[in-house]
Protein backbone atom coordinates (compact mmCIF):
# COMPACT_ATOMS: atom_id res chain seq x y z
CA MET A 1 0.10 6.95 -10.98
CA LYS A 2 1.34 9.17 -8.15
CA GLY A 3 0.72 9.42 -4.43
CA LYS A 4 -1.97 7.56 -2.54
CA GLY A 5 -3.78 6.56 -5.73
CA LYS A 6 -1.16 3.90 -6.26
CA CYS A 7 -1.63 2.64 -2.68
CA ASP A 8 -5.07 1.34 -3.65
CA TYR A 9 -3.31 -1.39 -5.66
CA CYS A 10 -0.60 -2.18 -3.10
CA LEU A 11 -0.26 -5.45 -1.22
CA TYR A 12 0.45 -3.57 2.02
CA TYR A 13 -2.56 -1.24 1.89
CA ASP A 14 -5.30 -2.89 3.92
CA TYR A 15 -8.60 -1.97 5.54
CA ASP A 16 -8.47 -1.76 9.33
CA GLU A 17 -11.91 -2.58 10.74
CA TYR A 18 -10.97 -1.29 14.20
CA PHE A 19 -10.08 2.21 12.92
CA ASN A 20 -12.58 2.03 10.04
CA TYR A 21 -10.16 3.19 7.32
CA TYR A 22 -7.32 1.97 5.11
CA VAL A 23 -3.77 1.85 6.48
CA CYS A 24 -0.32 1.03 5.14
CA GLU A 25 0.84 -2.19 6.79
CA MET A 26 4.56 -1.44 6.23
CA ASN A 27 6.65 -0.26 9.18
CA LEU A 28 7.34 3.26 7.95
CA ASP A 29 9.81 5.57 9.68
CA GLU A 30 8.72 9.07 10.74
CA ASP A 31 9.70 10.75 7.46
CA GLU A 32 8.07 8.06 5.32
CA MET A 33 4.88 8.26 7.38
CA ALA A 34 4.73 12.04 6.95
CA ARG A 35 5.08 11.66 3.17
CA PHE A 36 2.43 8.91 3.16
CA ILE A 37 -0.10 10.98 5.12
CA THR A 38 0.42 14.14 3.06
CA GLY A 39 0.71 12.28 -0.25
CA ASN A 40 4.01 14.09 -0.99
CA TYR A 41 5.93 11.29 -2.66
CA SER A 42 6.24 10.14 -6.23
CA GLU A 43 7.30 6.51 -5.75
CA CYS A 44 6.86 4.28 -2.73
CA PRO A 45 9.90 2.03 -2.24
CA TYR A 46 7.68 -0.67 -0.72
CA PHE A 47 5.01 -0.80 -3.42
CA GLN A 48 4.16 -4.33 -4.46
CA PHE A 49 1.24 -4.97 -6.76
CA ASP A 50 -1.50 -6.91 -4.96
CA ASP A 51 -2.05 -9.77 -7.36
CA GLU A 52 -4.66 -11.93 -5.65
CA TYR A 53 -4.69 -14.36 -8.59
CA LYS A 54 -0.92 -15.05 -8.51
CA ILE A 55 -1.33 -18.33 -6.60
CA VAL A 56 -4.14 -19.53 -8.87
CA ARG A 57 -1.99 -19.02 -11.97
CA LYS A 58 0.78 -21.14 -10.42
CA GLN A 59 -1.68 -23.98 -9.82
CA MET A 60 -2.80 -24.10 -13.46
C-alpha cells in the first residue's frame, strides 16, 4: 500500500471535527508535510498500525 491509502490505517491519522477532514497528528517538518499533502512518498517513517483491539487482547 502506498501513499495516503496507508494513512487510513495509521494510529496518527485522525478526523478533525473543527476542520471537517482527516489530519496527520504527527509533528511533520516542512518537507515531510509537503510529501504527505502531495502523496509523494512510499513509506511513512511514523506509520503505526491502529489496532484498537490491542488492549482487549491483553486483558484476555
